[in-house]
C-alpha atoms as a PDB file:
ATOM      1  CA  MET A   1      -0.147  -0.211   0.030  1.00  0.00           C
ATOM      2  CA  SER A   2       1.718   3.234  -0.972  1.00  0.00           C
ATOM      3  CA  ALA A   3       0.968   6.617   0.693  1.00  0.00           C
ATOM      4  CA  ALA A   4      -0.250   9.830  -0.610  1.00  0.00           C
ATOM      5  CA  PRO A   5       2.928  12.163  -0.321  1.00  0.00           C
ATOM      6  CA  ARG A   6       2.270  14.756   2.666  1.00  0.00           C
ATOM      7  CA  ARG A   7       2.607  18.405   2.533  1.00  0.00           C
ATOM      8  CA  ALA A   8       2.437  21.123   4.117  1.00  0.00           C
ATOM      9  CA  PRO A   9       3.677  24.826   4.116  1.00  0.00           C
ATOM     10  CA  CYS A  10       6.461  25.471   6.386  1.00  0.00           C
ATOM     11  CA  PRO A  11       4.241  27.076   9.896  1.00  0.00           C
ATOM     12  CA  PRO A  12       2.969  29.244  10.356  1.00  0.00           C
ATOM     13  CA  ALA A  13       3.997  30.959   6.605  1.00  0.00           C
ATOM     14  CA  ARG A  14       0.638  31.991   5.064  1.00  0.00           C
ATOM     15  CA  LEU A  15       2.433  33.461   2.513  1.00  0.00           C
ATOM     16  CA  ALA A  16       2.519  36.862   3.901  1.00  0.00           C
ATOM     17  CA  ARG A  17       5.317  39.765   3.202  1.00  0.00           C
ATOM     18  CA  ARG A  18       8.310  40.234   4.819  1.00  0.00           C
ATOM     19  CA  ARG A  19       8.380  44.133   5.191  1.00  0.00           C
ATOM     20  CA  ALA A  20      12.282  43.939   7.063  1.00  0.00           C
ATOM     21  CA  SER A  21      15.243  42.243   4.934  1.00  0.00           C
ATOM     22  CA  PRO A  22      16.512  38.915   6.106  1.00  0.00           C
ATOM     23  CA  GLN A  23      19.087  38.901   4.913  1.00  0.00           C
ATOM     24  CA  ARG A  24      19.549  42.320   6.716  1.00  0.00           C
ATOM     25  CA  ASP A  25      18.779  40.665   9.552  1.00  0.00           C
ATOM     26  CA  ALA A  26      21.307  37.749   9.217  1.00  0.00           C
ATOM     27  CA  SER A  27      23.715  40.046   9.239  1.00  0.00           C
ATOM     28  CA  ARG A  28      22.543  41.540  12.909  1.00  0.00           C
ATOM     29  CA  ARG A  29      23.718  38.160  14.913  1.00  0.00           C
ATOM     30  CA  ALA A  30      25.658  35.150  15.155  1.00  0.00           C
ATOM     31  CA  ALA A  31      25.064  32.128  13.284  1.00  0.00           C
ATOM     32  CA  VAL A  32      22.549  29.784  14.752  1.00  0.00           C
ATOM     33  CA  VAL A  33      22.938  26.962  12.724  1.00  0.00           C
ATOM     34  CA  ARG A  34      27.370  26.339  10.990  1.00  0.00           C
ATOM     35  CA  ARG A  35      28.702  23.850   9.743  1.00  0.00           C
ATOM     36  CA  THR A  36      32.023  22.760  12.129  1.00  0.00           C
ATOM     37  CA  GLY A  37      34.811  20.433  11.128  1.00  0.00           C
ATOM     38  CA  ASP A  38      36.033  18.179   8.296  1.00  0.00           C
ATOM     39  CA  ASP A  39      34.137  15.407   7.082  1.00  0.00           C
ATOM     40  CA  GLU A  40      34.058  12.270   8.994  1.00  0.00           C
ATOM     41  CA  PRO A  41      34.807   8.465   7.614  1.00  0.00           C
ATOM     42  CA  THR A  42      31.850   6.331   8.511  1.00  0.00           C
ATOM     43  CA  GLN A  43      31.626   2.522   8.297  1.00  0.00           C
ATOM     44  CA  THR A  44      28.993   2.835   6.164  1.00  0.00           C
ATOM     45  CA  ALA A  45      30.830   3.246   2.023  1.00  0.00           C
ATOM     46  CA  GLY A  46      29.906   6.936   0.459  1.00  0.00           C
ATOM     47  CA  VAL A  47      28.689   7.814   3.475  1.00  0.00           C
ATOM     48  CA  VAL A  48      30.571  10.579   6.116  1.00  0.00           C
ATOM     49  CA  ARG A  49      29.637  12.698   9.662  1.00  0.00           C
ATOM     50  CA  ARG A  50      29.485  16.560   9.593  1.00  0.00           C
ATOM     51  CA  ALA A  51      29.316  18.144  12.346  1.00  0.00           C
ATOM     52  CA  PHE A  52      27.065  20.915  12.667  1.00  0.00           C
ATOM     53  CA  ALA A  53      27.030  23.824  15.893  1.00  0.00           C
ATOM     54  CA  VAL A  54      23.868  24.915  17.243  1.00  0.00           C
ATOM     55  CA  ASP A  55      23.694  28.175  18.795  1.00  0.00           C
ATOM     56  CA  LEU A  56      20.604  27.424  22.103  1.00  0.00           C
ATOM     57  CA  GLY A  57      21.649  30.619  23.782  1.00  0.00           C
ATOM     58  CA  GLY A  58      24.019  29.369  26.364  1.00  0.00           C
ATOM     59  CA  ALA A  59      27.761  29.882  26.447  1.00  0.00           C
ATOM     60  CA  THR A  60      28.594  26.494  24.636  1.00  0.00           C
ATOM     61  CA  PRO A  61      26.761  25.844  21.023  1.00  0.00           C
ATOM     62  CA  ALA A  62      25.281  22.654  21.254  1.00  0.00           C
ATOM     63  CA  ALA A  63      27.216  20.156  18.742  1.00  0.00           C
ATOM     64  CA  VAL A  64      25.510  17.936  16.623  1.00  0.00           C
ATOM     65  CA  SER A  65      26.730  15.218  13.631  1.00  0.00           C
ATOM     66  CA  LEU A  66      24.804  14.361  10.984  1.00  0.00           C
ATOM     67  CA  ALA A  67      25.483  10.937   8.044  1.00  0.00           C
ATOM     68  CA  PHE A  68      26.141  12.336   4.622  1.00  0.00           C
ATOM     69  CA  PRO A  69      26.435  10.931   1.581  1.00  0.00           C
ATOM     70  CA  LEU A  70      29.416  11.839  -0.491  1.00  0.00           C
ATOM     71  CA  ASP A  71      27.293  13.453  -3.298  1.00  0.00           C
ATOM     72  CA  ALA A  72      25.581  15.630  -1.447  1.00  0.00           C
ATOM     73  CA  ASP A  73      26.278  19.429   0.703  1.00  0.00           C
ATOM     74  CA  ALA A  74      25.155  20.025   3.595  1.00  0.00           C
ATOM     75  CA  VAL A  75      23.485  23.774   3.602  1.00  0.00           C
ATOM     76  CA  CYS A  76      23.078  25.793   6.374  1.00  0.00           C
ATOM     77  CA  PHE A  77      20.572  28.746   6.741  1.00  0.00           C
ATOM     78  CA  GLU A  78      18.897  31.290   9.146  1.00  0.00           C
ATOM     79  CA  LEU A  79      15.566  32.144   7.943  1.00  0.00           C
ATOM     80  CA  THR A  80      12.955  34.889   9.113  1.00  0.00           C
ATOM     81  CA  ARG A  81       9.272  33.942   9.600  1.00  0.00           C
ATOM     82  CA  PRO A  82       7.614  33.597   7.638  1.00  0.00           C
ATOM     83  CA  LEU A  83       9.942  30.943   5.714  1.00  0.00           C
ATOM     84  CA  GLY A  84       8.600  31.144   2.788  1.00  0.00           C
ATOM     85  CA  VAL A  85       8.379  27.393   1.506  1.00  0.00           C
ATOM     86  CA  VAL A  86       6.252  24.478   1.213  1.00  0.00           C
ATOM     87  CA  PHE A  87       7.722  20.830   2.895  1.00  0.00           C
ATOM     88  CA  GLU A  88       6.084  17.679   1.508  1.00  0.00           C
ATOM     89  CA  GLN A  89       7.173  14.102   2.402  1.00  0.00           C
ATOM     90  CA  ARG A  90       8.433  11.097   0.170  1.00  0.00           C
ATOM     91  CA  LEU A  91       9.637   7.702   0.550  1.00  0.00           C
ATOM     92  CA  ARG A  92      13.167   7.294  -0.070  1.00  0.00           C
ATOM     93  CA  GLY A  93      14.253   3.346  -0.028  1.00  0.00           C
ATOM     94  CA  VAL A  94      12.667   2.337   3.747  1.00  0.00           C
ATOM     95  CA  GLN A  95      12.711   6.073   5.176  1.00  0.00           C
ATOM     96  CA  THR A  96      10.513   8.695   4.941  1.00  0.00           C
ATOM     97  CA  GLU A  97      12.437  11.863   4.290  1.00  0.00           C
ATOM     98  CA  ILE A  98      10.906  15.770   4.312  1.00  0.00           C
ATOM     99  CA  PHE A  99      11.431  17.747   1.341  1.00  0.00           C
ATOM    100  CA  VAL A 100      11.267  21.443  -0.033  1.00  0.00           C
ATOM    101  CA  ASP A 101       8.623  21.205  -2.852  1.00  0.00           C
ATOM    102  CA  GLU A 102       8.408  24.833  -3.326  1.00  0.00           C
ATOM    103  CA  VAL A 103       9.786  27.990  -2.618  1.00  0.00           C
ATOM    104  CA  VAL A 104       7.744  31.066  -2.390  1.00  0.00           C
ATOM    105  CA  PRO A 105       9.311  34.207  -4.397  1.00  0.00           C
ATOM    106  CA  GLY A 106      10.530  36.360  -2.776  1.00  0.00           C
ATOM    107  CA  GLY A 107      10.186  34.672   0.690  1.00  0.00           C
ATOM    108  CA  ALA A 108      12.785  34.346   3.356  1.00  0.00           C
ATOM    109  CA  ALA A 109      13.818  30.994   1.776  1.00  0.00           C
ATOM    110  CA  ALA A 110      14.260  32.154  -1.952  1.00  0.00           C
ATOM    111  CA  LEU A 111      16.381  35.307  -0.724  1.00  0.00           C
ATOM    112  CA  ALA A 112      18.477  33.007   1.031  1.00  0.00           C
ATOM    113  CA  GLY A 113      19.405  30.180  -1.583  1.00  0.00           C
ATOM    114  CA  VAL A 114      16.780  27.494  -0.583  1.00  0.00           C
ATOM    115  CA  GLU A 115      16.358  25.213  -3.969  1.00  0.00           C
ATOM    116  CA  ARG A 116      13.373  23.345  -4.579  1.00  0.00           C
ATOM    117  CA  GLY A 117      14.725  19.507  -4.212  1.00  0.00           C
ATOM    118  CA  ASP A 118      17.128  20.308  -0.673  1.00  0.00           C
ATOM    119  CA  VAL A 119      16.188  17.964   1.886  1.00  0.00           C
ATOM    120  CA  LEU A 120      15.599  19.061   5.884  1.00  0.00           C
ATOM    121  CA  ARG A 121      17.653  17.063   8.066  1.00  0.00           C
ATOM    122  CA  LEU A 122      17.830  19.463  10.866  1.00  0.00           C
ATOM    123  CA  CYS A 123      15.770  22.514  12.147  1.00  0.00           C
ATOM    124  CA  THR A 124      16.078  24.699  15.420  1.00  0.00           C
ATOM    125  CA  ALA A 125      12.409  24.247  17.732  1.00  0.00           C
ATOM    126  CA  VAL A 126      11.364  25.682  21.137  1.00  0.00           C
ATOM    127  CA  PHE A 127      10.480  22.769  23.111  1.00  0.00           C
ATOM    128  CA  GLU A 128       9.089  22.992  26.793  1.00  0.00           C
ATOM    129  CA  VAL A 129      11.238  21.507  29.959  1.00  0.00           C
ATOM    130  CA  SER A 130      11.247  21.093  33.628  1.00  0.00           C
ATOM    131  CA  ALA A 131      13.588  22.682  35.528  1.00  0.00           C
ATOM    132  CA  PRO A 132      16.482  20.707  37.437  1.00  0.00           C
ATOM    133  CA  VAL A 133      14.404  18.377  40.374  1.00  0.00           C
ATOM    134  CA  ASP A 134      16.263  18.484  43.691  1.00  0.00           C
ATOM    135  CA  VAL A 135      15.110  17.704  47.393  1.00  0.00           C
ATOM    136  CA  THR A 136      12.942  20.409  48.086  1.00  0.00           C
ATOM    137  CA  THR A 137      11.080  19.640  44.945  1.00  0.00           C
ATOM    138  CA  TRP A 138       8.001  18.308  46.934  1.00  0.00           C
ATOM    139  CA  LEU A 139       7.711  21.514  48.452  1.00  0.00           C
ATOM    140  CA  ASN A 140       7.607  23.648  45.199  1.00  0.00           C
ATOM    141  CA  PRO A 141       7.363  21.645  41.413  1.00  0.00           C
ATOM    142  CA  PRO A 142       9.902  22.699  39.120  1.00  0.00           C
ATOM    143  CA  ALA A 143       8.249  25.018  36.740  1.00  0.00           C
ATOM    144  CA  LYS A 144       8.728  24.286  33.141  1.00  0.00           C
ATOM    145  CA  ARG A 145      10.287  26.421  30.508  1.00  0.00           C
ATOM    146  CA  LYS A 146      10.356  26.869  27.212  1.00  0.00           C
ATOM    147  CA  VAL A 147      13.876  26.768  25.631  1.00  0.00           C
ATOM    148  CA  LYS A 148      15.921  26.521  22.644  1.00  0.00           C
ATOM    149  CA  ALA A 149      16.696  23.223  20.949  1.00  0.00           C
ATOM    150  CA  TYR A 150      17.087  21.658  17.648  1.00  0.00           C
ATOM    151  CA  TYR A 151      15.439  18.409  15.913  1.00  0.00           C
ATOM    152  CA  GLU A 152      17.175  16.293  13.881  1.00  0.00           C
ATOM    153  CA  CYS A 153      14.445  15.271  11.184  1.00  0.00           C
ATOM    154  CA  ASP A 154      15.453  12.027   9.716  1.00  0.00           C
ATOM    155  CA  ALA A 155      12.587   9.379   9.866  1.00  0.00           C
ATOM    156  CA  LYS A 156      10.272  11.762  11.740  1.00  0.00           C
ATOM    157  CA  PRO A 157       6.987  11.699  11.197  1.00  0.00           C
ATOM    158  CA  PHE A 158       6.223  14.876   8.395  1.00  0.00           C
ATOM    159  CA  ASP A 159       3.608  15.763  11.971  1.00  0.00           C
ATOM    160  CA  LYS A 160       6.280  15.841  14.382  1.00  0.00           C
ATOM    161  CA  VAL A 161       8.786  18.081  12.279  1.00  0.00           C
ATOM    162  CA  MET A 162       6.258  20.445  11.205  1.00  0.00           C
ATOM    163  CA  ASP A 163       5.465  21.148  15.044  1.00  0.00           C
ATOM    164  CA  ALA A 164       9.020  21.602  15.413  1.00  0.00           C
ATOM    165  CA  LEU A 165       9.000  23.987  12.840  1.00  0.00           C
ATOM    166  CA  ALA A 166       5.826  25.833  13.778  1.00  0.00           C
ATOM    167  CA  SER A 167       6.976  25.869  18.094  1.00  0.00           C
ATOM    168  CA  HIS A 168       9.540  29.160  16.486  1.00  0.00           C
ATOM    169  CA  GLY A 169       5.811  31.401  17.343  1.00  0.00           C
ATOM    170  CA  VAL A 170       6.529  30.643  21.041  1.00  0.00           C
ATOM    171  CA  GLN A 171       8.454  33.052  23.465  1.00  0.00           C
ATOM    172  CA  ILE A 172      11.279  31.616  25.114  1.00  0.00           C
ATOM    173  CA  ASP A 173      12.025  31.759  28.627  1.00  0.00           C
ATOM    174  CA  THR A 174      15.037  33.753  29.469  1.00  0.00           C
ATOM    175  CA  PRO A 175      16.975  35.345  32.532  1.00  0.00           C
ATOM    176  CA  ASN A 176      15.919  38.874  31.072  1.00  0.00           C
ATOM    177  CA  GLY A 177      11.763  37.510  30.183  1.00  0.00           C
ATOM    178  CA  LYS A 178      10.079  35.883  28.171  1.00  0.00           C
ATOM    179  CA  GLU A 179      11.701  36.848  24.558  1.00  0.00           C
ATOM    180  CA  ASP A 180      10.236  35.899  20.421  1.00  0.00           C
ATOM    181  CA  VAL A 181      12.778  33.560  18.308  1.00  0.00           C
ATOM    182  CA  LYS A 182      13.290  35.366  15.406  1.00  0.00           C
ATOM    183  CA  VAL A 183      15.574  33.170  13.555  1.00  0.00           C
ATOM    184  CA  VAL A 184      14.521  29.727  12.409  1.00  0.00           C
ATOM    185  CA  GLY A 185      18.042  27.598  12.086  1.00  0.00           C
ATOM    186  CA  LEU A 186      17.855  25.054   8.777  1.00  0.00           C
ATOM    187  CA  VAL A 187      20.276  22.290   8.119  1.00  0.00           C
ATOM    188  CA  LEU A 188      19.314  20.780   4.448  1.00  0.00           C
ATOM    189  CA  GLN A 189      20.982  18.392   2.235  1.00  0.00           C
ATOM    190  CA  ARG A 190      21.398  19.724  -1.215  1.00  0.00           C
ATOM    191  CA  ALA A 191      22.347  17.219  -4.257  1.00  0.00           C
ATOM    192  CA  ARG A 192      25.354  18.262  -6.467  1.00  0.00           C
ATOM    193  CA  ALA A 193      24.576  18.879  -9.247  1.00  0.00           C
END
């Protein structure tokens, strides 16, 4: 039984236009997601591991490593919302992958260089976590807080990945109070020409 591809605009994209330039916004901040290091060999022929640093707002970026085919590039993007991209899910072998089906002309994705066919491998997200638990927890249960995180998209359900992308609409908790997440970080896999 073959399932039809699933398709959704990247939440919360309503194809609205942004007044400020995404490129100008990107030049004023540090990289949210960036490639680090060299390709590391794996046990699988034709596959390497590529390392990335994801800025989650702490002193040290989170280190993430993903497997990539040798014939594909890893491309990092920082996009303002709305992203201006439509993702779709397809079956590739026995795994599903989420890929860019449409790029909205003039949108943040188009201005940044996202291309149709790019495969979504990782995105930033906002997660709700509990504060650390200690012996006084029974007196004062820990509050939940919303924090920046990253979400590896490989073989994940389409709805979960779209939820991770949509989570950027939620404010995060910081020592200085609530703060909007202005940028979405993406790692895309792009086939070499």
